[in-house]
Amino acid sequence: EIALSFAPVVQRATPAVVNIYATRI
């Protein structure tokens, strides 16, 4: 099934990956 598409893995993992914006003075 994996050989057909990575989409199921991506749909499971991407919601838990975040973008971080950090600011320093």
PDBML (XML) file of the C-alpha atoms, coordinates in Angstrom:
<?xml version="1.0" encoding="UTF-8" ?>
<PDBx:datablock datablockName="MODEL"
   xmlns:PDBx="http://pdbml.pdb.org/schema/pdbx-v50.xsd"
   xmlns:xsi="http://www.w3.org/2001/XMLSchema-instance"
   xsi:schemaLocation="http://pdbml.pdb.org/schema/pdbx-v50.xsd pdbx-v50.xsd">
   <PDBx:atom_siteCategory>
      <PDBx:atom_site id="1">
         <PDBx:B_iso_or_equiv>0.00</PDBx:B_iso_or_equiv>
         <PDBx:Cartn_x>0.000</PDBx:Cartn_x>
         <PDBx:Cartn_y>0.000</PDBx:Cartn_y>
         <PDBx:Cartn_z>0.000</PDBx:Cartn_z>
         <PDBx:auth_asym_id>A</PDBx:auth_asym_id>
         <PDBx:auth_atom_id>CA</PDBx:auth_atom_id>
         <PDBx:auth_comp_id>GLU</PDBx:auth_comp_id>
         <PDBx:auth_seq_id>1</PDBx:auth_seq_id>
         <PDBx:group_PDB>ATOM</PDBx:group_PDB>
         <PDBx:label_alt_id xsi:nil="true" />
         <PDBx:label_asym_id>A</PDBx:label_asym_id>
         <PDBx:label_atom_id>CA</PDBx:label_atom_id>
         <PDBx:label_comp_id>GLU</PDBx:label_comp_id>
         <PDBx:label_entity_id>1</PDBx:label_entity_id>
         <PDBx:label_seq_id>1</PDBx:label_seq_id>
         <PDBx:occupancy>1.00</PDBx:occupancy>
         <PDBx:pdbx_PDB_model_num>1</PDBx:pdbx_PDB_model_num>
         <PDBx:type_symbol>C</PDBx:type_symbol>
      </PDBx:atom_site>
      <PDBx:atom_site id="2">
         <PDBx:B_iso_or_equiv>0.00</PDBx:B_iso_or_equiv>
         <PDBx:Cartn_x>2.891</PDBx:Cartn_x>
         <PDBx:Cartn_y>2.379</PDBx:Cartn_y>
         <PDBx:Cartn_z>0.760</PDBx:Cartn_z>
         <PDBx:auth_asym_id>A</PDBx:auth_asym_id>
         <PDBx:auth_atom_id>CA</PDBx:auth_atom_id>
         <PDBx:auth_comp_id>ILE</PDBx:auth_comp_id>
         <PDBx:auth_seq_id>2</PDBx:auth_seq_id>
         <PDBx:group_PDB>ATOM</PDBx:group_PDB>
         <PDBx:label_alt_id xsi:nil="true" />
         <PDBx:label_asym_id>A</PDBx:label_asym_id>
         <PDBx:label_atom_id>CA</PDBx:label_atom_id>
         <PDBx:label_comp_id>ILE</PDBx:label_comp_id>
         <PDBx:label_entity_id>1</PDBx:label_entity_id>
         <PDBx:label_seq_id>2</PDBx:label_seq_id>
         <PDBx:occupancy>1.00</PDBx:occupancy>
         <PDBx:pdbx_PDB_model_num>1</PDBx:pdbx_PDB_model_num>
         <PDBx:type_symbol>C</PDBx:type_symbol>
      </PDBx:atom_site>
      <PDBx:atom_site id="3">
         <PDBx:B_iso_or_equiv>0.00</PDBx:B_iso_or_equiv>
         <PDBx:Cartn_x>4.220</PDBx:Cartn_x>
         <PDBx:Cartn_y>1.925</PDBx:Cartn_y>
         <PDBx:Cartn_z>-2.756</PDBx:Cartn_z>
         <PDBx:auth_asym_id>A</PDBx:auth_asym_id>
         <PDBx:auth_atom_id>CA</PDBx:auth_atom_id>
         <PDBx:auth_comp_id>ALA</PDBx:auth_comp_id>
         <PDBx:auth_seq_id>3</PDBx:auth_seq_id>
         <PDBx:group_PDB>ATOM</PDBx:group_PDB>
         <PDBx:label_alt_id xsi:nil="true" />
         <PDBx:label_asym_id>A</PDBx:label_asym_id>
         <PDBx:label_atom_id>CA</PDBx:label_atom_id>
         <PDBx:label_comp_id>ALA</PDBx:label_comp_id>
         <PDBx:label_entity_id>1</PDBx:label_entity_id>
         <PDBx:label_seq_id>3</PDBx:label_seq_id>
         <PDBx:occupancy>1.00</PDBx:occupancy>
         <PDBx:pdbx_PDB_model_num>1</PDBx:pdbx_PDB_model_num>
         <PDBx:type_symbol>C</PDBx:type_symbol>
      </PDBx:atom_site>
      <PDBx:atom_site id="4">
         <PDBx:B_iso_or_equiv>0.00</PDBx:B_iso_or_equiv>
         <PDBx:Cartn_x>1.035</PDBx:Cartn_x>
         <PDBx:Cartn_y>3.522</PDBx:Cartn_y>
         <PDBx:Cartn_z>-4.060</PDBx:Cartn_z>
         <PDBx:auth_asym_id>A</PDBx:auth_asym_id>
         <PDBx:auth_atom_id>CA</PDBx:auth_atom_id>
         <PDBx:auth_comp_id>LEU</PDBx:auth_comp_id>
         <PDBx:auth_seq_id>4</PDBx:auth_seq_id>
         <PDBx:group_PDB>ATOM</PDBx:group_PDB>
         <PDBx:label_alt_id xsi:nil="true" />
         <PDBx:label_asym_id>A</PDBx:label_asym_id>
         <PDBx:label_atom_id>CA</PDBx:label_atom_id>
         <PDBx:label_comp_id>LEU</PDBx:label_comp_id>
         <PDBx:label_entity_id>1</PDBx:label_entity_id>
         <PDBx:label_seq_id>4</PDBx:label_seq_id>
         <PDBx:occupancy>1.00</PDBx:occupancy>
         <PDBx:pdbx_PDB_model_num>1</PDBx:pdbx_PDB_model_num>
         <PDBx:type_symbol>C</PDBx:type_symbol>
      </PDBx:atom_site>
      <PDBx:atom_site id="5">
         <PDBx:B_iso_or_equiv>0.00</PDBx:B_iso_or_equiv>
         <PDBx:Cartn_x>1.239</PDBx:Cartn_x>
         <PDBx:Cartn_y>6.775</PDBx:Cartn_y>
         <PDBx:Cartn_z>-2.073</PDBx:Cartn_z>
         <PDBx:auth_asym_id>A</PDBx:auth_asym_id>
         <PDBx:auth_atom_id>CA</PDBx:auth_atom_id>
         <PDBx:auth_comp_id>SER</PDBx:auth_comp_id>
         <PDBx:auth_seq_id>5</PDBx:auth_seq_id>
         <PDBx:group_PDB>ATOM</PDBx:group_PDB>
         <PDBx:label_alt_id xsi:nil="true" />
         <PDBx:label_asym_id>A</PDBx:label_asym_id>
         <PDBx:label_atom_id>CA</PDBx:label_atom_id>
         <PDBx:label_comp_id>SER</PDBx:label_comp_id>
         <PDBx:label_entity_id>1</PDBx:label_entity_id>
         <PDBx:label_seq_id>5</PDBx:label_seq_id>
         <PDBx:occupancy>1.00</PDBx:occupancy>
         <PDBx:pdbx_PDB_model_num>1</PDBx:pdbx_PDB_model_num>
         <PDBx:type_symbol>C</PDBx:type_symbol>
      </PDBx:atom_site>
      <PDBx:atom_site id="6">
         <PDBx:B_iso_or_equiv>0.00</PDBx:B_iso_or_equiv>
         <PDBx:Cartn_x>2.723</PDBx:Cartn_x>
         <PDBx:Cartn_y>8.452</PDBx:Cartn_y>
         <PDBx:Cartn_z>1.007</PDBx:Cartn_z>
         <PDBx:auth_asym_id>A</PDBx:auth_asym_id>
         <PDBx:auth_atom_id>CA</PDBx:auth_atom_id>
         <PDBx:auth_comp_id>PHE</PDBx:auth_comp_id>
         <PDBx:auth_seq_id>6</PDBx:auth_seq_id>
         <PDBx:group_PDB>ATOM</PDBx:group_PDB>
         <PDBx:label_alt_id xsi:nil="true" />
         <PDBx:label_asym_id>A</PDBx:label_asym_id>
         <PDBx:label_atom_id>CA</PDBx:label_atom_id>
         <PDBx:label_comp_id>PHE</PDBx:label_comp_id>
         <PDBx:label_entity_id>1</PDBx:label_entity_id>
         <PDBx:label_seq_id>6</PDBx:label_seq_id>
         <PDBx:occupancy>1.00</PDBx:occupancy>
         <PDBx:pdbx_PDB_model_num>1</PDBx:pdbx_PDB_model_num>
         <PDBx:type_symbol>C</PDBx:type_symbol>
      </PDBx:atom_site>
      <PDBx:atom_site id="7">
         <PDBx:B_iso_or_equiv>0.00</PDBx:B_iso_or_equiv>
         <PDBx:Cartn_x>-0.517</PDBx:Cartn_x>
         <PDBx:Cartn_y>10.398</PDBx:Cartn_y>
         <PDBx:Cartn_z>1.465</PDBx:Cartn_z>
         <PDBx:auth_asym_id>A</PDBx:auth_asym_id>
         <PDBx:auth_atom_id>CA</PDBx:auth_atom_id>
         <PDBx:auth_comp_id>ALA</PDBx:auth_comp_id>
         <PDBx:auth_seq_id>7</PDBx:auth_seq_id>
         <PDBx:group_PDB>ATOM</PDBx:group_PDB>
         <PDBx:label_alt_id xsi:nil="true" />
         <PDBx:label_asym_id>A</PDBx:label_asym_id>
         <PDBx:label_atom_id>CA</PDBx:label_atom_id>
         <PDBx:label_comp_id>ALA</PDBx:label_comp_id>
         <PDBx:label_entity_id>1</PDBx:label_entity_id>
         <PDBx:label_seq_id>7</PDBx:label_seq_id>
         <PDBx:occupancy>1.00</PDBx:occupancy>
         <PDBx:pdbx_PDB_model_num>1</PDBx:pdbx_PDB_model_num>
         <PDBx:type_symbol>C</PDBx:type_symbol>
      </PDBx:atom_site>
      <PDBx:atom_site id="8">
         <PDBx:B_iso_or_equiv>0.00</PDBx:B_iso_or_equiv>
         <PDBx:Cartn_x>-1.901</PDBx:Cartn_x>
         <PDBx:Cartn_y>8.330</PDBx:Cartn_y>
         <PDBx:Cartn_z>4.397</PDBx:Cartn_z>
         <PDBx:auth_asym_id>A</PDBx:auth_asym_id>
         <PDBx:auth_atom_id>CA</PDBx:auth_atom_id>
         <PDBx:auth_comp_id>PRO</PDBx:auth_comp_id>
         <PDBx:auth_seq_id>8</PDBx:auth_seq_id>
         <PDBx:group_PDB>ATOM</PDBx:group_PDB>
         <PDBx:label_alt_id xsi:nil="true" />
         <PDBx:label_asym_id>A</PDBx:label_asym_id>
         <PDBx:label_atom_id>CA</PDBx:label_atom_id>
         <PDBx:label_comp_id>PRO</PDBx:label_comp_id>
         <PDBx:label_entity_id>1</PDBx:label_entity_id>
         <PDBx:label_seq_id>8</PDBx:label_seq_id>
         <PDBx:occupancy>1.00</PDBx:occupancy>
         <PDBx:pdbx_PDB_model_num>1</PDBx:pdbx_PDB_model_num>
         <PDBx:type_symbol>C</PDBx:type_symbol>
      </PDBx:atom_site>
      <PDBx:atom_site id="9">
         <PDBx:B_iso_or_equiv>0.00</PDBx:B_iso_or_equiv>
         <PDBx:Cartn_x>1.336</PDBx:Cartn_x>
         <PDBx:Cartn_y>8.820</PDBx:Cartn_y>
         <PDBx:Cartn_z>6.353</PDBx:Cartn_z>
         <PDBx:auth_asym_id>A</PDBx:auth_asym_id>
         <PDBx:auth_atom_id>CA</PDBx:auth_atom_id>
         <PDBx:auth_comp_id>VAL</PDBx:auth_comp_id>
         <PDBx:auth_seq_id>9</PDBx:auth_seq_id>
         <PDBx:group_PDB>ATOM</PDBx:group_PDB>
         <PDBx:label_alt_id xsi:nil="true" />
         <PDBx:label_asym_id>A</PDBx:label_asym_id>
         <PDBx:label_atom_id>CA</PDBx:label_atom_id>
         <PDBx:label_comp_id>VAL</PDBx:label_comp_id>
         <PDBx:label_entity_id>1</PDBx:label_entity_id>
         <PDBx:label_seq_id>9</PDBx:label_seq_id>
         <PDBx:occupancy>1.00</PDBx:occupancy>
         <PDBx:pdbx_PDB_model_num>1</PDBx:pdbx_PDB_model_num>
         <PDBx:type_symbol>C</PDBx:type_symbol>
      </PDBx:atom_site>
      <PDBx:atom_site id="10">
         <PDBx:B_iso_or_equiv>0.00</PDBx:B_iso_or_equiv>
         <PDBx:Cartn_x>1.414</PDBx:Cartn_x>
         <PDBx:Cartn_y>12.533</PDBx:Cartn_y>
         <PDBx:Cartn_z>5.559</PDBx:Cartn_z>
         <PDBx:auth_asym_id>A</PDBx:auth_asym_id>
         <PDBx:auth_atom_id>CA</PDBx:auth_atom_id>
         <PDBx:auth_comp_id>VAL</PDBx:auth_comp_id>
         <PDBx:auth_seq_id>10</PDBx:auth_seq_id>
         <PDBx:group_PDB>ATOM</PDBx:group_PDB>
         <PDBx:label_alt_id xsi:nil="true" />
         <PDBx:label_asym_id>A</PDBx:label_asym_id>
         <PDBx:label_atom_id>CA</PDBx:label_atom_id>
         <PDBx:label_comp_id>VAL</PDBx:label_comp_id>
         <PDBx:label_entity_id>1</PDBx:label_entity_id>
         <PDBx:label_seq_id>10</PDBx:label_seq_id>
         <PDBx:occupancy>1.00</PDBx:occupancy>
         <PDBx:pdbx_PDB_model_num>1</PDBx:pdbx_PDB_model_num>
         <PDBx:type_symbol>C</PDBx:type_symbol>
      </PDBx:atom_site>
      <PDBx:atom_site id="11">
         <PDBx:B_iso_or_equiv>0.00</PDBx:B_iso_or_equiv>
         <PDBx:Cartn_x>-2.218</PDBx:Cartn_x>
         <PDBx:Cartn_y>12.962</PDBx:Cartn_y>
         <PDBx:Cartn_z>6.637</PDBx:Cartn_z>
         <PDBx:auth_asym_id>A</PDBx:auth_asym_id>
         <PDBx:auth_atom_id>CA</PDBx:auth_atom_id>
         <PDBx:auth_comp_id>GLN</PDBx:auth_comp_id>
         <PDBx:auth_seq_id>11</PDBx:auth_seq_id>
         <PDBx:group_PDB>ATOM</PDBx:group_PDB>
         <PDBx:label_alt_id xsi:nil="true" />
         <PDBx:label_asym_id>A</PDBx:label_asym_id>
         <PDBx:label_atom_id>CA</PDBx:label_atom_id>
         <PDBx:label_comp_id>GLN</PDBx:label_comp_id>
         <PDBx:label_entity_id>1</PDBx:label_entity_id>
         <PDBx:label_seq_id>11</PDBx:label_seq_id>
         <PDBx:occupancy>1.00</PDBx:occupancy>
         <PDBx:pdbx_PDB_model_num>1</PDBx:pdbx_PDB_model_num>
         <PDBx:type_symbol>C</PDBx:type_symbol>
      </PDBx:atom_site>
      <PDBx:atom_site id="12">
         <PDBx:B_iso_or_equiv>0.00</PDBx:B_iso_or_equiv>
         <PDBx:Cartn_x>-1.439</PDBx:Cartn_x>
         <PDBx:Cartn_y>11.339</PDBx:Cartn_y>
         <PDBx:Cartn_z>9.950</PDBx:Cartn_z>
         <PDBx:auth_asym_id>A</PDBx:auth_asym_id>
         <PDBx:auth_atom_id>CA</PDBx:auth_atom_id>
         <PDBx:auth_comp_id>ARG</PDBx:auth_comp_id>
         <PDBx:auth_seq_id>12</PDBx:auth_seq_id>
         <PDBx:group_PDB>ATOM</PDBx:group_PDB>
         <PDBx:label_alt_id xsi:nil="true" />
         <PDBx:label_asym_id>A</PDBx:label_asym_id>
         <PDBx:label_atom_id>CA</PDBx:label_atom_id>
         <PDBx:label_comp_id>ARG</PDBx:label_comp_id>
         <PDBx:label_entity_id>1</PDBx:label_entity_id>
         <PDBx:label_seq_id>12</PDBx:label_seq_id>
         <PDBx:occupancy>1.00</PDBx:occupancy>
         <PDBx:pdbx_PDB_model_num>1</PDBx:pdbx_PDB_model_num>
         <PDBx:type_symbol>C</PDBx:type_symbol>
      </PDBx:atom_site>
      <PDBx:atom_site id="13">
         <PDBx:B_iso_or_equiv>0.00</PDBx:B_iso_or_equiv>
         <PDBx:Cartn_x>1.833</PDBx:Cartn_x>
         <PDBx:Cartn_y>13.153</PDBx:Cartn_y>
         <PDBx:Cartn_z>10.699</PDBx:Cartn_z>
         <PDBx:auth_asym_id>A</PDBx:auth_asym_id>
         <PDBx:auth_atom_id>CA</PDBx:auth_atom_id>
         <PDBx:auth_comp_id>ALA</PDBx:auth_comp_id>
         <PDBx:auth_seq_id>13</PDBx:auth_seq_id>
         <PDBx:group_PDB>ATOM</PDBx:group_PDB>
         <PDBx:label_alt_id xsi:nil="true" />
         <PDBx:label_asym_id>A</PDBx:label_asym_id>
         <PDBx:label_atom_id>CA</PDBx:label_atom_id>
         <PDBx:label_comp_id>ALA</PDBx:label_comp_id>
         <PDBx:label_entity_id>1</PDBx:label_entity_id>
         <PDBx:label_seq_id>13</PDBx:label_seq_id>
         <PDBx:occupancy>1.00</PDBx:occupancy>
         <PDBx:pdbx_PDB_model_num>1</PDBx:pdbx_PDB_model_num>
         <PDBx:type_symbol>C</PDBx:type_symbol>
      </PDBx:atom_site>
      <PDBx:atom_site id="14">
         <PDBx:B_iso_or_equiv>0.00</PDBx:B_iso_or_equiv>
         <PDBx:Cartn_x>1.439</PDBx:Cartn_x>
         <PDBx:Cartn_y>16.715</PDBx:Cartn_y>
         <PDBx:Cartn_z>9.389</PDBx:Cartn_z>
         <PDBx:auth_asym_id>A</PDBx:auth_asym_id>
         <PDBx:auth_atom_id>CA</PDBx:auth_atom_id>
         <PDBx:auth_comp_id>THR</PDBx:auth_comp_id>
         <PDBx:auth_seq_id>14</PDBx:auth_seq_id>
         <PDBx:group_PDB>ATOM</PDBx:group_PDB>
         <PDBx:label_alt_id xsi:nil="true" />
         <PDBx:label_asym_id>A</PDBx:label_asym_id>
         <PDBx:label_atom_id>CA</PDBx:label_atom_id>
         <PDBx:label_comp_id>THR</PDBx:label_comp_id>
         <PDBx:label_entity_id>1</PDBx:label_entity_id>
         <PDBx:label_seq_id>14</PDBx:label_seq_id>
         <PDBx:occupancy>1.00</PDBx:occupancy>
         <PDBx:pdbx_PDB_model_num>1</PDBx:pdbx_PDB_model_num>
         <PDBx:type_symbol>C</PDBx:type_symbol>
      </PDBx:atom_site>
      <PDBx:atom_site id="15">
         <PDBx:B_iso_or_equiv>0.00</PDBx:B_iso_or_equiv>
         <PDBx:Cartn_x>-1.186</PDBx:Cartn_x>
         <PDBx:Cartn_y>17.906</PDBx:Cartn_y>
         <PDBx:Cartn_z>11.926</PDBx:Cartn_z>
         <PDBx:auth_asym_id>A</PDBx:auth_asym_id>
         <PDBx:auth_atom_id>CA</PDBx:auth_atom_id>
         <PDBx:auth_comp_id>PRO</PDBx:auth_comp_id>
         <PDBx:auth_seq_id>15</PDBx:auth_seq_id>
         <PDBx:group_PDB>ATOM</PDBx:group_PDB>
         <PDBx:label_alt_id xsi:nil="true" />
         <PDBx:label_asym_id>A</PDBx:label_asym_id>
         <PDBx:label_atom_id>CA</PDBx:label_atom_id>
         <PDBx:label_comp_id>PRO</PDBx:label_comp_id>
         <PDBx:label_entity_id>1</PDBx:label_entity_id>
         <PDBx:label_seq_id>15</PDBx:label_seq_id>
         <PDBx:occupancy>1.00</PDBx:occupancy>
         <PDBx:pdbx_PDB_model_num>1</PDBx:pdbx_PDB_model_num>
         <PDBx:type_symbol>C</PDBx:type_symbol>
      </PDBx:atom_site>
      <PDBx:atom_site id="16">
         <PDBx:B_iso_or_equiv>0.00</PDBx:B_iso_or_equiv>
         <PDBx:Cartn_x>1.406</PDBx:Cartn_x>
         <PDBx:Cartn_y>17.409</PDBx:Cartn_y>
         <PDBx:Cartn_z>14.686</PDBx:Cartn_z>
         <PDBx:auth_asym_id>A</PDBx:auth_asym_id>
         <PDBx:auth_atom_id>CA</PDBx:auth_atom_id>
         <PDBx:auth_comp_id>ALA</PDBx:auth_comp_id>
         <PDBx:auth_seq_id>16</PDBx:auth_seq_id>
         <PDBx:group_PDB>ATOM</PDBx:group_PDB>
         <PDBx:label_alt_id xsi:nil="true" />
         <PDBx:label_asym_id>A</PDBx:label_asym_id>
         <PDBx:label_atom_id>CA</PDBx:label_atom_id>
         <PDBx:label_comp_id>ALA</PDBx:label_comp_id>
         <PDBx:label_entity_id>1</PDBx:label_entity_id>
         <PDBx:label_seq_id>16</PDBx:label_seq_id>
         <PDBx:occupancy>1.00</PDBx:occupancy>
         <PDBx:pdbx_PDB_model_num>1</PDBx:pdbx_PDB_model_num>
         <PDBx:type_symbol>C</PDBx:type_symbol>
      </PDBx:atom_site>
      <PDBx:atom_site id="17">
         <PDBx:B_iso_or_equiv>0.00</PDBx:B_iso_or_equiv>
         <PDBx:Cartn_x>4.160</PDBx:Cartn_x>
         <PDBx:Cartn_y>19.395</PDBx:Cartn_y>
         <PDBx:Cartn_z>12.918</PDBx:Cartn_z>
         <PDBx:auth_asym_id>A</PDBx:auth_asym_id>
         <PDBx:auth_atom_id>CA</PDBx:auth_atom_id>
         <PDBx:auth_comp_id>VAL</PDBx:auth_comp_id>
         <PDBx:auth_seq_id>17</PDBx:auth_seq_id>
         <PDBx:group_PDB>ATOM</PDBx:group_PDB>
         <PDBx:label_alt_id xsi:nil="true" />
         <PDBx:label_asym_id>A</PDBx:label_asym_id>
         <PDBx:label_atom_id>CA</PDBx:label_atom_id>
         <PDBx:label_comp_id>VAL</PDBx:label_comp_id>
         <PDBx:label_entity_id>1</PDBx:label_entity_id>
         <PDBx:label_seq_id>17</PDBx:label_seq_id>
         <PDBx:occupancy>1.00</PDBx:occupancy>
         <PDBx:pdbx_PDB_model_num>1</PDBx:pdbx_PDB_model_num>
         <PDBx:type_symbol>C</PDBx:type_symbol>
      </PDBx:atom_site>
      <PDBx:atom_site id="18">
         <PDBx:B_iso_or_equiv>0.00</PDBx:B_iso_or_equiv>
         <PDBx:Cartn_x>4.059</PDBx:Cartn_x>
         <PDBx:Cartn_y>23.124</PDBx:Cartn_y>
         <PDBx:Cartn_z>13.663</PDBx:Cartn_z>
         <PDBx:auth_asym_id>A</PDBx:auth_asym_id>
         <PDBx:auth_atom_id>CA</PDBx:auth_atom_id>
         <PDBx:auth_comp_id>VAL</PDBx:auth_comp_id>
         <PDBx:auth_seq_id>18</PDBx:auth_seq_id>
         <PDBx:group_PDB>ATOM</PDBx:group_PDB>
         <PDBx:label_alt_id xsi:nil="true" />
         <PDBx:label_asym_id>A</PDBx:label_asym_id>
         <PDBx:label_atom_id>CA</PDBx:label_atom_id>
         <PDBx:label_comp_id>VAL</PDBx:label_comp_id>
         <PDBx:label_entity_id>1</PDBx:label_entity_id>
         <PDBx:label_seq_id>18</PDBx:label_seq_id>
         <PDBx:occupancy>1.00</PDBx:occupancy>
         <PDBx:pdbx_PDB_model_num>1</PDBx:pdbx_PDB_model_num>
         <PDBx:type_symbol>C</PDBx:type_symbol>
      </PDBx:atom_site>
      <PDBx:atom_site id="19">
         <PDBx:B_iso_or_equiv>0.00</PDBx:B_iso_or_equiv>
         <PDBx:Cartn_x>5.644</PDBx:Cartn_x>
         <PDBx:Cartn_y>26.332</PDBx:Cartn_y>
         <PDBx:Cartn_z>12.422</PDBx:Cartn_z>
         <PDBx:auth_asym_id>A</PDBx:auth_asym_id>
         <PDBx:auth_atom_id>CA</PDBx:auth_atom_id>
         <PDBx:auth_comp_id>ASN</PDBx:auth_comp_id>
         <PDBx:auth_seq_id>19</PDBx:auth_seq_id>
         <PDBx:group_PDB>ATOM</PDBx:group_PDB>
         <PDBx:label_alt_id xsi:nil="true" />
         <PDBx:label_asym_id>A</PDBx:label_asym_id>
         <PDBx:label_atom_id>CA</PDBx:label_atom_id>
         <PDBx:label_comp_id>ASN</PDBx:label_comp_id>
         <PDBx:label_entity_id>1</PDBx:label_entity_id>
         <PDBx:label_seq_id>19</PDBx:label_seq_id>
         <PDBx:occupancy>1.00</PDBx:occupancy>
         <PDBx:pdbx_PDB_model_num>1</PDBx:pdbx_PDB_model_num>
         <PDBx:type_symbol>C</PDBx:type_symbol>
      </PDBx:atom_site>
      <PDBx:atom_site id="20">
         <PDBx:B_iso_or_equiv>0.00</PDBx:B_iso_or_equiv>
         <PDBx:Cartn_x>7.528</PDBx:Cartn_x>
         <PDBx:Cartn_y>28.376</PDBx:Cartn_y>
         <PDBx:Cartn_z>15.026</PDBx:Cartn_z>
         <PDBx:auth_asym_id>A</PDBx:auth_asym_id>
         <PDBx:auth_atom_id>CA</PDBx:auth_atom_id>
         <PDBx:auth_comp_id>ILE</PDBx:auth_comp_id>
         <PDBx:auth_seq_id>20</PDBx:auth_seq_id>
         <PDBx:group_PDB>ATOM</PDBx:group_PDB>
         <PDBx:label_alt_id xsi:nil="true" />
         <PDBx:label_asym_id>A</PDBx:label_asym_id>
         <PDBx:label_atom_id>CA</PDBx:label_atom_id>
         <PDBx:label_comp_id>ILE</PDBx:label_comp_id>
         <PDBx:label_entity_id>1</PDBx:label_entity_id>
         <PDBx:label_seq_id>20</PDBx:label_seq_id>
         <PDBx:occupancy>1.00</PDBx:occupancy>
         <PDBx:pdbx_PDB_model_num>1</PDBx:pdbx_PDB_model_num>
         <PDBx:type_symbol>C</PDBx:type_symbol>
      </PDBx:atom_site>
      <PDBx:atom_site id="21">
         <PDBx:B_iso_or_equiv>0.00</PDBx:B_iso_or_equiv>
         <PDBx:Cartn_x>8.141</PDBx:Cartn_x>
         <PDBx:Cartn_y>32.116</PDBx:Cartn_y>
         <PDBx:Cartn_z>14.887</PDBx:Cartn_z>
         <PDBx:auth_asym_id>A</PDBx:auth_asym_id>
         <PDBx:auth_atom_id>CA</PDBx:auth_atom_id>
         <PDBx:auth_comp_id>TYR</PDBx:auth_comp_id>
         <PDBx:auth_seq_id>21</PDBx:auth_seq_id>
         <PDBx:group_PDB>ATOM</PDBx:group_PDB>
         <PDBx:label_alt_id xsi:nil="true" />
         <PDBx:label_asym_id>A</PDBx:label_asym_id>
         <PDBx:label_atom_id>CA</PDBx:label_atom_id>
         <PDBx:label_comp_id>TYR</PDBx:label_comp_id>
         <PDBx:label_entity_id>1</PDBx:label_entity_id>
         <PDBx:label_seq_id>21</PDBx:label_seq_id>
         <PDBx:occupancy>1.00</PDBx:occupancy>
         <PDBx:pdbx_PDB_model_num>1</PDBx:pdbx_PDB_model_num>
         <PDBx:type_symbol>C</PDBx:type_symbol>
      </PDBx:atom_site>
      <PDBx:atom_site id="22">
         <PDBx:B_iso_or_equiv>0.00</PDBx:B_iso_or_equiv>
         <PDBx:Cartn_x>10.589</PDBx:Cartn_x>
         <PDBx:Cartn_y>33.339</PDBx:Cartn_y>
         <PDBx:Cartn_z>17.558</PDBx:Cartn_z>
         <PDBx:auth_asym_id>A</PDBx:auth_asym_id>
         <PDBx:auth_atom_id>CA</PDBx:auth_atom_id>
         <PDBx:auth_comp_id>ALA</PDBx:auth_comp_id>
         <PDBx:auth_seq_id>22</PDBx:auth_seq_id>
         <PDBx:group_PDB>ATOM</PDBx:group_PDB>
         <PDBx:label_alt_id xsi:nil="true" />
         <PDBx:label_asym_id>A</PDBx:label_asym_id>
         <PDBx:label_atom_id>CA</PDBx:label_atom_id>
         <PDBx:label_comp_id>ALA</PDBx:label_comp_id>
         <PDBx:label_entity_id>1</PDBx:label_entity_id>
         <PDBx:label_seq_id>22</PDBx:label_seq_id>
         <PDBx:occupancy>1.00</PDBx:occupancy>
         <PDBx:pdbx_PDB_model_num>1</PDBx:pdbx_PDB_model_num>
         <PDBx:type_symbol>C</PDBx:type_symbol>
      </PDBx:atom_site>
      <PDBx:atom_site id="23">
         <PDBx:B_iso_or_equiv>0.00</PDBx:B_iso_or_equiv>
         <PDBx:Cartn_x>11.542</PDBx:Cartn_x>
         <PDBx:Cartn_y>36.920</PDBx:Cartn_y>
         <PDBx:Cartn_z>18.385</PDBx:Cartn_z>
         <PDBx:auth_asym_id>A</PDBx:auth_asym_id>
         <PDBx:auth_atom_id>CA</PDBx:auth_atom_id>
         <PDBx:auth_comp_id>THR</PDBx:auth_comp_id>
         <PDBx:auth_seq_id>23</PDBx:auth_seq_id>
         <PDBx:group_PDB>ATOM</PDBx:group_PDB>
         <PDBx:label_alt_id xsi:nil="true" />
         <PDBx:label_asym_id>A</PDBx:label_asym_id>
         <PDBx:label_atom_id>CA</PDBx:label_atom_id>
         <PDBx:label_comp_id>THR</PDBx:label_comp_id>
         <PDBx:label_entity_id>1</PDBx:label_entity_id>
         <PDBx:label_seq_id>23</PDBx:label_seq_id>
         <PDBx:occupancy>1.00</PDBx:occupancy>
         <PDBx:pdbx_PDB_model_num>1</PDBx:pdbx_PDB_model_num>
         <PDBx:type_symbol>C</PDBx:type_symbol>
      </PDBx:atom_site>
      <PDBx:atom_site id="24">
         <PDBx:B_iso_or_equiv>0.00</PDBx:B_iso_or_equiv>
         <PDBx:Cartn_x>14.574</PDBx:Cartn_x>
         <PDBx:Cartn_y>38.094</PDBx:Cartn_y>
         <PDBx:Cartn_z>20.357</PDBx:Cartn_z>
         <PDBx:auth_asym_id>A</PDBx:auth_asym_id>
         <PDBx:auth_atom_id>CA</PDBx:auth_atom_id>
         <PDBx:auth_comp_id>ARG</PDBx:auth_comp_id>
         <PDBx:auth_seq_id>24</PDBx:auth_seq_id>
         <PDBx:group_PDB>ATOM</PDBx:group_PDB>
         <PDBx:label_alt_id xsi:nil="true" />
         <PDBx:label_asym_id>A</PDBx:label_asym_id>
         <PDBx:label_atom_id>CA</PDBx:label_atom_id>
         <PDBx:label_comp_id>ARG</PDBx:label_comp_id>
         <PDBx:label_entity_id>1</PDBx:label_entity_id>
         <PDBx:label_seq_id>24</PDBx:label_seq_id>
         <PDBx:occupancy>1.00</PDBx:occupancy>
         <PDBx:pdbx_PDB_model_num>1</PDBx:pdbx_PDB_model_num>
         <PDBx:type_symbol>C</PDBx:type_symbol>
      </PDBx:atom_site>
      <PDBx:atom_site id="25">
         <PDBx:B_iso_or_equiv>0.00</PDBx:B_iso_or_equiv>
         <PDBx:Cartn_x>15.557</PDBx:Cartn_x>
         <PDBx:Cartn_y>41.573</PDBx:Cartn_y>
         <PDBx:Cartn_z>21.491</PDBx:Cartn_z>
         <PDBx:auth_asym_id>A</PDBx:auth_asym_id>
         <PDBx:auth_atom_id>CA</PDBx:auth_atom_id>
         <PDBx:auth_comp_id>ILE</PDBx:auth_comp_id>
         <PDBx:auth_seq_id>25</PDBx:auth_seq_id>
         <PDBx:group_PDB>ATOM</PDBx:group_PDB>
         <PDBx:label_alt_id xsi:nil="true" />
         <PDBx:label_asym_id>A</PDBx:label_asym_id>
         <PDBx:label_atom_id>CA</PDBx:label_atom_id>
         <PDBx:label_comp_id>ILE</PDBx:label_comp_id>
         <PDBx:label_entity_id>1</PDBx:label_entity_id>
         <PDBx:label_seq_id>25</PDBx:label_seq_id>
         <PDBx:occupancy>1.00</PDBx:occupancy>
         <PDBx:pdbx_PDB_model_num>1</PDBx:pdbx_PDB_model_num>
         <PDBx:type_symbol>C</PDBx:type_symbol>
      </PDBx:atom_site>
   </PDBx:atom_siteCategory>
</PDBx:datablock>
